[in-house]
Amino acid sequence: MHDRETPKKEDADHPSEQDNASTPILEELDGLKMEWLPSYTRFLDDDLQHFAPGFSFEDVDAVIKKCANVRIAIIRGRLYSQKLSPVWETRDVYLLVGLLELLEVYGDRVPDVYLGFFMWDDPHSQCGYTARGSKAPLFSFSSNEHIGAVPFPDWSYWGWPEVYVQSWAAEQGIISASARQRQWADRHPVAMWKGNTQIFNGANGDRSPGDNRAGIVQCSREAPQLIRAQHIDWGQVRANPASHGLGWGSHAKACAHKFLIHAQGIGWSASLKYKLACQSAVLWPVSKDSHHDFFTRGLEPGVHFIPIDTSTRESTCKAMKNVVETALRNDTTARLIATAGSTYLKEHLSMAAVRRYMFEALKRYATLQSFKPSWSNGAAGRVGEALSQMPEVTRGTLRPYLLPMPTASG
């Protein structure tokens, strides 16, 4: 697969190195100055430091065989993929849409790469991956300091139709509009959380309660004047979303509260960005083992969100109640934190910023490859019809601006 000559007929479709040498240097791309990087991009060096000075194809293949659900290659602006094991819902399809979108914008600037992608929630508990115990990086939606996987934007940035979530660009616009209509003084002075307390670990086949989530629900029973929580059975929601007050644009309803609680599941939770966009103050139980996605390491506790310390002997519920009571007594500070969180998203989590991070992650990964990536003709995978795998409602309504497929996919 590696070091194999790419078929010559591909050469006519892409500029030669000599042509690239004469390409004008851009000062701006995707609406961003070329030198501008989202603040969280700086953590990529930490994620990749274990693999200097480089890794081989065999190293990548070993990681893929151990942990990857999908292997992915980008060869001269073309995207290839092969699903190796089941993934939850349409995570893989929407990630591929995101990569196609990246290629549409950045074109041949995206380097050739060959990598493995873990598409569940926790690469350590679900497949035993750690950066220190591997010779090549693994891409994942979720990581922490112990795991050391390279975090990459999850599928929800391009859509999550199974739970009635549109693309991040669409959701952010809807939520921001709702937030502007809800003055801080008029919001409910309570902390709200809504989600699934029974976390399904699909990779292991286990079903166990979320550590913090079940505690939040119990705490809402003990202190309903401060904390409100609601368990959601997503299976029932899919069957009848309206009966649960959910559906397209439902994230905006949460903006009626001054405080929104964020809690991780098996790994991270994709819901944090929707809560921050509400201009509500986010309360977040964090610990040294907390998972992060690609952007959350750029958030500062006490600046962009209100941390809940779970490292002491104090119960999570008592710590949560104390934080809410303190926030209510310091209403102006809480409002400033809420504003700072939403402002951070506008400045660092636009879709252009997300694509810039994706580009930087692949570029820095590529510098460590000690081989020339290629894709054998016998392997499944030229990605050119990703949208054809999606439900009709998704292709026709949710992602109309990606039809027809980006030319980079062929």
Protein backbone atom coordinates (compact mmCIF):
# COMPACT_ATOMS: atom_id res chain seq x y z
CA MET A 1 0.00 0.00 0.00
CA HIS A 2 2.83 2.39 0.79
CA ASP A 3 5.68 3.33 -1.53
CA ARG A 4 3.65 2.12 -4.53
CA GLU A 5 3.65 4.34 -7.61
CA THR A 6 0.41 6.25 -8.09
CA PRO A 7 -1.17 5.49 -11.52
CA LYS A 8 0.03 7.98 -14.14
CA LYS A 9 -3.48 8.88 -15.27
CA GLU A 10 -3.84 10.74 -11.98
CA ASP A 11 -1.05 13.10 -13.05
CA ALA A 12 -3.25 14.92 -15.54
CA ASP A 13 -5.76 15.79 -12.84
CA HIS A 14 -3.31 17.54 -10.51
CA PRO A 15 -0.65 20.20 -10.96
CA SER A 16 2.98 19.10 -10.96
CA GLU A 17 5.48 20.22 -8.32
CA GLN A 18 6.76 22.74 -10.85
CA ASP A 19 3.25 24.14 -11.30
CA ASN A 20 2.82 24.36 -7.53
CA ALA A 21 6.07 26.28 -7.27
CA SER A 22 4.59 29.07 -9.36
CA THR A 23 1.32 29.20 -7.43
CA PRO A 24 0.89 32.62 -5.76
CA ILE A 25 1.28 32.64 -1.98
CA LEU A 26 -2.12 33.33 -0.46
CA GLU A 27 -2.51 35.86 2.30
CA GLU A 28 -6.00 34.61 3.14
CA LEU A 29 -7.89 31.35 2.73
CA ASP A 30 -11.36 30.33 3.88
CA GLY A 31 -11.87 33.90 5.12
CA LEU A 32 -8.92 33.62 7.51
CA LYS A 33 -5.41 35.02 7.29
CA MET A 34 -3.02 32.19 6.52
CA GLU A 35 -0.93 32.84 9.63
CA TRP A 36 -3.98 32.82 11.96
CA LEU A 37 -4.57 29.68 14.01
CA PRO A 38 -7.30 28.86 16.56
CA SER A 39 -5.90 29.06 20.10
CA TYR A 40 -6.30 25.32 20.70
CA THR A 41 -4.05 24.42 17.74
CA ARG A 42 -1.02 24.82 20.00
CA PHE A 43 -1.86 21.54 21.74
CA LEU A 44 -1.19 19.54 18.56
CA ASP A 45 2.53 19.69 19.31
CA ASP A 46 1.86 18.02 22.67
CA ASP A 47 -0.29 15.35 21.00
CA LEU A 48 2.40 14.48 18.45
CA GLN A 49 5.58 14.92 20.51
CA HIS A 50 5.72 11.21 21.44
CA PHE A 51 6.17 10.27 17.78
CA ALA A 52 9.18 12.39 16.85
CA PRO A 53 11.29 12.00 14.78
CA GLY A 54 8.73 9.98 12.82
CA PHE A 55 6.81 6.78 12.20
CA SER A 56 6.61 4.20 9.43
CA PHE A 57 3.75 2.74 7.45
CA GLU A 58 4.07 -0.42 9.53
CA ASP A 59 3.66 1.63 12.71
CA VAL A 60 0.47 3.23 11.38
CA ASP A 61 -0.85 -0.11 10.19
CA ALA A 62 -0.29 -1.63 13.63
CA VAL A 63 -2.35 1.14 15.25
CA ILE A 64 -5.06 0.70 12.62
CA LYS A 65 -5.27 -3.06 13.21
CA LYS A 66 -5.44 -2.52 16.98
CA CYS A 67 -7.88 0.35 17.28
CA ALA A 68 -9.14 1.99 14.09
CA ASN A 69 -12.71 1.60 12.89
CA VAL A 70 -11.87 3.39 9.67
CA ARG A 71 -8.62 3.87 7.82
CA ILE A 72 -8.28 7.01 5.78
CA ALA A 73 -5.88 8.28 3.14
CA ILE A 74 -5.63 11.56 1.31
CA ILE A 75 -3.61 11.19 -1.87
CA ARG A 76 -3.00 14.24 -4.06
CA GLY A 77 -6.25 15.90 -3.06
CA ARG A 78 -8.35 12.73 -3.25
CA LEU A 79 -10.00 11.11 -0.23
CA TYR A 80 -10.03 7.34 0.33
CA SER A 81 -11.48 5.36 3.22
CA GLN A 82 -12.30 1.84 4.32
CA LYS A 83 -14.57 0.92 7.22
CA LEU A 84 -12.94 -1.86 9.22
CA SER A 85 -15.46 -2.34 12.03
CA PRO A 86 -18.88 -0.98 13.07
CA VAL A 87 -19.32 2.60 14.21
CA TRP A 88 -22.22 4.26 16.00
CA GLU A 89 -24.89 5.68 13.69
CA THR A 90 -23.43 7.74 10.83
CA ARG A 91 -20.32 9.08 12.54
CA ASP A 92 -18.02 7.85 9.79
CA VAL A 93 -20.15 9.24 6.94
CA TYR A 94 -20.34 12.73 8.42
CA LEU A 95 -16.63 12.79 9.21
CA LEU A 96 -15.93 11.94 5.57
CA VAL A 97 -18.21 14.78 4.52
CA GLY A 98 -16.12 17.08 6.71
CA LEU A 99 -12.90 15.89 5.09
CA LEU A 100 -14.39 16.38 1.63
CA GLU A 101 -15.33 19.89 2.65
CA LEU A 102 -11.75 20.48 3.83
CA LEU A 103 -10.43 19.31 0.46
CA GLU A 104 -12.90 21.52 -1.34
CA VAL A 105 -11.54 24.57 0.48
CA TYR A 106 -7.82 23.76 0.84
CA GLY A 107 -7.36 21.58 -2.25
CA ASP A 108 -3.82 20.39 -2.93
CA ARG A 109 -2.54 22.23 0.14
CA VAL A 110 -3.81 19.28 2.19
CA PRO A 111 -0.82 16.92 2.48
CA ASP A 112 -0.86 13.23 1.60
CA VAL A 113 -1.60 11.23 4.74
CA TYR A 114 -2.45 7.68 5.77
CA LEU A 115 -4.01 7.28 9.21
CA GLY A 116 -6.32 5.33 11.48
CA PHE A 117 -9.44 6.80 13.09
CA PHE A 118 -11.16 5.53 16.23
CA MET A 119 -14.83 6.47 16.06
CA TRP A 120 -16.22 5.49 19.42
CA ASP A 121 -15.74 7.52 22.61
CA ASP A 122 -12.71 6.40 24.62
CA PRO A 123 -9.72 4.92 22.77
CA HIS A 124 -8.17 3.65 26.00
CA SER A 125 -11.04 1.83 27.71
CA GLN A 126 -12.51 0.65 24.41
CA CYS A 127 -9.38 -0.53 22.60
CA GLY A 128 -6.40 -0.03 24.91
CA TYR A 129 -4.67 2.81 23.08
CA THR A 130 -2.19 5.20 24.65
CA ALA A 131 0.27 7.40 22.81
CA ARG A 132 3.15 6.32 25.04
CA GLY A 133 2.43 2.68 24.26
CA SER A 134 2.22 3.14 20.48
CA LYS A 135 4.62 3.97 17.68
CA ALA A 136 2.12 6.00 15.63
CA PRO A 137 -0.70 8.44 16.42
CA LEU A 138 -4.38 7.51 16.45
CA PHE A 139 -7.04 10.06 15.50
CA SER A 140 -10.11 10.16 17.70
CA PHE A 141 -13.01 12.41 18.69
CA SER A 142 -11.99 12.18 22.35
CA SER A 143 -8.82 11.99 24.40
CA ASN A 144 -7.26 12.94 27.73
CA GLU A 145 -3.79 13.41 29.17
CA HIS A 146 -3.36 9.67 29.75
CA ILE A 147 -4.58 8.58 26.30
CA GLY A 148 -2.80 11.09 24.08
CA ALA A 149 -4.79 10.46 20.89
CA VAL A 150 -4.97 13.28 18.34
CA PRO A 151 -8.42 14.88 18.83
CA PHE A 152 -10.28 15.71 15.63
CA PRO A 153 -13.63 17.46 15.08
CA ASP A 154 -16.51 15.04 15.51
CA TRP A 155 -19.27 14.28 13.03
CA SER A 156 -21.76 16.69 14.63
CA TYR A 157 -20.06 19.68 12.99
CA TRP A 158 -21.58 18.46 9.73
CA GLY A 159 -24.81 17.01 11.12
CA TRP A 160 -26.31 14.42 13.46
CA PRO A 161 -29.72 13.58 12.03
CA GLU A 162 -30.36 10.65 14.38
CA VAL A 163 -30.93 13.13 17.22
CA TYR A 164 -32.22 16.00 15.07
CA VAL A 165 -29.06 18.08 15.09
CA GLN A 166 -28.13 20.15 12.06
CA SER A 167 -24.65 21.24 11.07
CA TRP A 168 -22.77 23.39 13.59
CA ALA A 169 -23.02 26.39 11.29
CA ALA A 170 -26.82 26.09 11.26
CA GLU A 171 -27.15 25.27 14.97
CA GLN A 172 -24.87 28.11 16.03
CA GLY A 173 -26.97 30.60 14.09
CA ILE A 174 -30.23 29.34 15.60
CA ILE A 175 -28.87 29.25 19.15
CA SER A 176 -27.24 32.67 18.90
CA ALA A 177 -30.51 34.18 17.68
CA SER A 178 -32.36 32.62 20.61
CA ALA A 179 -29.72 33.83 23.08
CA ARG A 180 -30.05 37.43 21.86
CA GLN A 181 -33.80 37.30 22.51
CA ARG A 182 -33.32 36.16 26.12
CA GLN A 183 -31.99 38.88 28.41
CA TRP A 184 -29.83 37.65 31.29
CA ALA A 185 -32.16 39.08 33.93
CA ASP A 186 -35.10 37.20 32.44
CA ARG A 187 -33.46 33.78 32.43
CA HIS A 188 -34.28 31.10 34.99
CA PRO A 189 -31.77 31.33 37.89
CA VAL A 190 -31.13 27.58 37.97
CA ALA A 191 -28.61 25.14 36.50
CA MET A 192 -30.09 22.87 33.83
CA TRP A 193 -28.87 19.56 32.43
CA LYS A 194 -30.64 17.26 29.99
CA GLY A 195 -29.21 14.07 28.55
CA ASN A 196 -28.74 10.32 28.74
CA THR A 197 -27.69 8.87 32.11
CA GLN A 198 -27.34 5.32 30.78
CA ILE A 199 -24.21 5.37 28.67
CA PHE A 200 -23.85 2.54 26.17
CA ASN A 201 -20.26 1.45 25.63
CA GLY A 202 -20.81 -0.06 22.19
CA ALA A 203 -17.21 -1.12 21.65
CA ASN A 204 -17.21 -3.31 24.77
CA GLY A 205 -20.89 -4.17 24.80
CA ASP A 206 -21.29 -2.86 28.36
CA ARG A 207 -23.99 -0.57 29.63
CA SER A 208 -23.20 1.58 32.65
CA PRO A 209 -24.38 4.85 34.17
CA GLY A 210 -22.46 8.02 33.38
CA ASP A 211 -20.35 8.93 36.42
CA ASN A 212 -21.49 12.52 36.74
CA ARG A 213 -24.76 12.32 34.85
CA ALA A 214 -26.67 10.07 37.23
CA GLY A 215 -25.39 12.18 40.11
CA ILE A 216 -26.72 15.33 38.48
CA VAL A 217 -30.19 13.83 38.21
CA GLN A 218 -30.07 12.75 41.86
CA CYS A 219 -28.89 16.21 42.88
CA SER A 220 -31.81 17.81 41.06
CA ARG A 221 -34.13 15.83 43.31
CA GLU A 222 -32.32 17.06 46.41
CA ALA A 223 -32.08 20.72 45.37
CA PRO A 224 -34.67 21.43 42.65
CA GLN A 225 -34.55 25.15 43.46
CA LEU A 226 -30.94 25.20 42.20
CA ILE A 227 -30.55 22.29 39.79
CA ARG A 228 -32.87 20.77 37.24
CA ALA A 229 -32.06 17.64 35.28
CA GLN A 230 -33.84 15.33 32.93
CA HIS A 231 -32.89 11.88 31.68
CA ILE A 232 -33.44 11.40 27.95
CA ASP A 233 -33.96 8.03 26.32
CA TRP A 234 -32.66 8.73 22.83
CA GLY A 235 -34.39 5.65 21.46
CA GLN A 236 -37.75 7.16 22.39
CA VAL A 237 -36.69 10.56 21.10
CA ARG A 238 -35.88 9.14 17.69
CA ALA A 239 -39.32 7.58 17.53
CA ASN A 240 -41.21 10.66 18.71
CA PRO A 241 -39.05 13.77 19.19
CA ALA A 242 -41.91 16.22 19.66
CA SER A 243 -43.18 14.40 22.76
CA HIS A 244 -39.81 15.10 24.44
CA GLY A 245 -39.67 18.73 23.45
CA LEU A 246 -36.88 17.96 21.01
CA GLY A 247 -36.43 18.23 17.28
CA TRP A 248 -34.64 20.48 14.81
CA GLY A 249 -33.32 23.58 16.60
CA SER A 250 -34.17 22.30 20.08
CA HIS A 251 -30.77 23.26 21.52
CA ALA A 252 -31.93 26.89 21.49
CA LYS A 253 -34.55 26.14 24.17
CA ALA A 254 -31.79 25.68 26.74
CA CYS A 255 -30.96 29.38 26.50
CA ALA A 256 -33.84 30.10 28.88
CA HIS A 257 -31.51 29.22 31.82
CA LYS A 258 -28.68 31.25 33.33
CA PHE A 259 -26.62 28.15 33.98
CA LEU A 260 -26.14 24.97 31.94
CA ILE A 261 -24.35 21.93 33.31
CA HIS A 262 -21.92 20.05 31.09
CA ALA A 263 -21.08 16.40 31.84
CA GLN A 264 -18.96 13.98 29.87
CA GLY A 265 -20.17 10.51 28.95
CA ILE A 266 -17.86 7.58 28.27
CA GLY A 267 -15.49 10.14 26.81
CA TRP A 268 -16.25 13.72 25.87
CA SER A 269 -19.70 15.11 25.10
CA ALA A 270 -20.42 16.86 21.79
CA SER A 271 -22.98 19.12 23.50
CA LEU A 272 -20.57 21.63 25.06
CA LYS A 273 -20.49 23.95 22.05
CA TYR A 274 -24.28 24.28 22.00
CA LYS A 275 -24.33 25.26 25.68
CA LEU A 276 -21.59 27.85 25.33
CA ALA A 277 -23.37 29.34 22.31
CA CYS A 278 -26.41 30.04 24.51
CA GLN A 279 -24.59 32.77 26.42
CA SER A 280 -25.42 30.82 29.55
CA ALA A 281 -22.71 30.21 32.14
CA VAL A 282 -21.55 26.61 31.74
CA LEU A 283 -20.89 24.62 34.93
CA TRP A 284 -18.44 21.80 34.25
CA PRO A 285 -17.29 19.05 36.65
CA VAL A 286 -13.63 18.61 35.69
CA SER A 287 -10.86 16.36 36.96
CA LYS A 288 -7.39 15.24 35.85
CA ASP A 289 -9.03 12.34 34.00
CA SER A 290 -11.59 14.47 32.17
CA HIS A 291 -11.79 13.93 28.45
CA HIS A 292 -11.38 16.70 25.93
CA ASP A 293 -12.20 17.16 22.29
CA PHE A 294 -10.10 19.21 19.89
CA PHE A 295 -11.15 22.69 21.09
CA THR A 296 -11.91 22.40 24.81
CA ARG A 297 -8.26 22.68 25.90
CA GLY A 298 -8.41 26.28 24.70
CA LEU A 299 -11.07 27.10 27.28
CA GLU A 300 -9.94 28.59 30.59
CA PRO A 301 -11.76 27.70 33.83
CA GLY A 302 -13.16 30.76 35.56
CA VAL A 303 -12.96 32.67 32.27
CA HIS A 304 -15.01 30.71 29.73
CA PHE A 305 -16.82 28.33 32.10
CA ILE A 306 -17.34 27.75 35.82
CA PRO A 307 -15.48 24.64 37.01
CA ILE A 308 -16.93 22.23 39.55
CA ASP A 309 -14.12 20.62 41.52
CA THR A 310 -14.77 16.89 41.88
CA SER A 311 -11.32 16.01 43.25
CA THR A 312 -12.18 16.62 46.92
CA ARG A 313 -14.05 14.37 49.32
CA GLU A 314 -17.03 16.64 49.00
CA SER A 315 -19.84 14.95 47.11
CA THR A 316 -20.44 16.00 43.52
CA CYS A 317 -23.94 17.17 44.47
CA LYS A 318 -22.72 19.32 47.35
CA ALA A 319 -19.97 20.81 45.18
CA MET A 320 -22.51 21.54 42.45
CA LYS A 321 -24.94 23.24 44.84
CA ASN A 322 -22.14 25.37 46.28
CA VAL A 323 -21.08 26.49 42.80
CA VAL A 324 -24.63 27.44 41.80
CA GLU A 325 -25.21 29.35 45.05
CA THR A 326 -21.90 31.19 44.62
CA ALA A 327 -22.74 32.04 41.01
CA LEU A 328 -26.13 33.41 42.03
CA ARG A 329 -24.49 35.64 44.64
CA ASN A 330 -22.04 36.86 42.00
CA ASP A 331 -24.48 37.39 39.17
CA THR A 332 -22.37 39.94 37.29
CA THR A 333 -19.32 37.66 37.27
CA ALA A 334 -21.43 34.74 36.08
CA ARG A 335 -22.78 36.84 33.24
CA LEU A 336 -19.26 37.88 32.20
CA ILE A 337 -18.20 34.23 32.09
CA ALA A 338 -21.25 33.37 30.01
CA THR A 339 -20.40 36.15 27.56
CA ALA A 340 -16.74 35.13 27.39
CA GLY A 341 -17.67 31.54 26.58
CA SER A 342 -19.95 32.49 23.70
CA THR A 343 -17.44 35.05 22.40
CA TYR A 344 -14.73 32.40 22.37
CA LEU A 345 -16.89 30.24 20.11
CA LYS A 346 -17.50 33.07 17.68
CA GLU A 347 -13.78 33.80 17.45
CA HIS A 348 -12.33 30.29 17.54
CA LEU A 349 -15.06 27.81 16.57
CA SER A 350 -16.46 29.08 13.30
CA MET A 351 -16.46 26.39 10.62
CA ALA A 352 -13.54 28.19 8.97
CA ALA A 353 -11.62 27.87 12.28
CA VAL A 354 -12.57 24.18 12.54
CA ARG A 355 -11.28 23.55 9.02
CA ARG A 356 -8.06 25.44 9.80
CA TYR A 357 -7.47 23.16 12.80
CA MET A 358 -8.15 20.07 10.65
CA PHE A 359 -5.65 21.30 8.09
CA GLU A 360 -3.01 21.98 10.74
CA ALA A 361 -3.53 18.57 12.37
CA LEU A 362 -3.05 16.74 9.06
CA LYS A 363 -0.11 18.96 8.07
CA ARG A 364 1.77 18.34 11.32
CA TYR A 365 0.95 14.63 11.21
CA ALA A 366 2.29 14.45 7.65
CA THR A 367 5.67 15.87 8.67
CA LEU A 368 6.22 12.80 10.87
CA GLN A 369 5.39 10.22 8.19
CA SER A 370 8.55 8.45 7.02
CA PHE A 371 6.78 6.96 4.00
CA LYS A 372 4.87 8.11 0.94
CA PRO A 373 1.15 7.37 1.45
CA SER A 374 -0.73 5.58 -1.33
CA TRP A 375 -3.87 3.50 -1.74
CA SER A 376 -3.97 0.11 -3.44
CA ASN A 377 -6.51 -0.37 -6.20
CA GLY A 378 -7.79 -3.50 -4.50
CA ALA A 379 -8.82 -1.71 -1.33
CA ALA A 380 -12.30 -0.34 -0.86
CA GLY A 381 -12.50 3.22 -0.75
CA ARG A 382 -12.43 6.20 -3.09
CA VAL A 383 -14.85 8.55 -1.34
CA GLY A 384 -17.04 10.12 -4.00
CA GLU A 385 -20.55 9.19 -2.98
CA ALA A 386 -20.59 9.78 0.77
CA LEU A 387 -23.91 11.59 0.73
CA SER A 388 -25.57 8.68 -1.03
CA GLN A 389 -25.19 6.72 2.21
CA MET A 390 -27.20 9.28 4.19
CA PRO A 391 -30.96 9.30 4.78
CA GLU A 392 -32.93 11.19 2.14
CA VAL A 393 -33.94 13.86 4.69
CA THR A 394 -30.27 14.51 5.35
CA ARG A 395 -29.23 14.76 1.72
CA GLY A 396 -32.22 16.85 0.73
CA THR A 397 -32.60 19.14 3.75
CA LEU A 398 -29.67 19.05 6.14
CA ARG A 399 -26.74 19.36 3.74
CA PRO A 400 -28.00 21.01 0.56
CA TYR A 401 -24.93 23.16 0.18
CA LEU A 402 -22.73 20.10 -0.33
CA LEU A 403 -24.65 18.97 -3.40
CA PRO A 404 -23.09 18.17 -5.79
CA MET A 405 -20.14 16.59 -4.04
CA PRO A 406 -16.95 18.66 -3.81
CA THR A 407 -14.83 18.29 -6.92
CA ALA A 408 -11.86 17.24 -4.81
CA SER A 409 -13.58 13.89 -4.21
CA GLY A 410 -13.91 13.18 -7.91
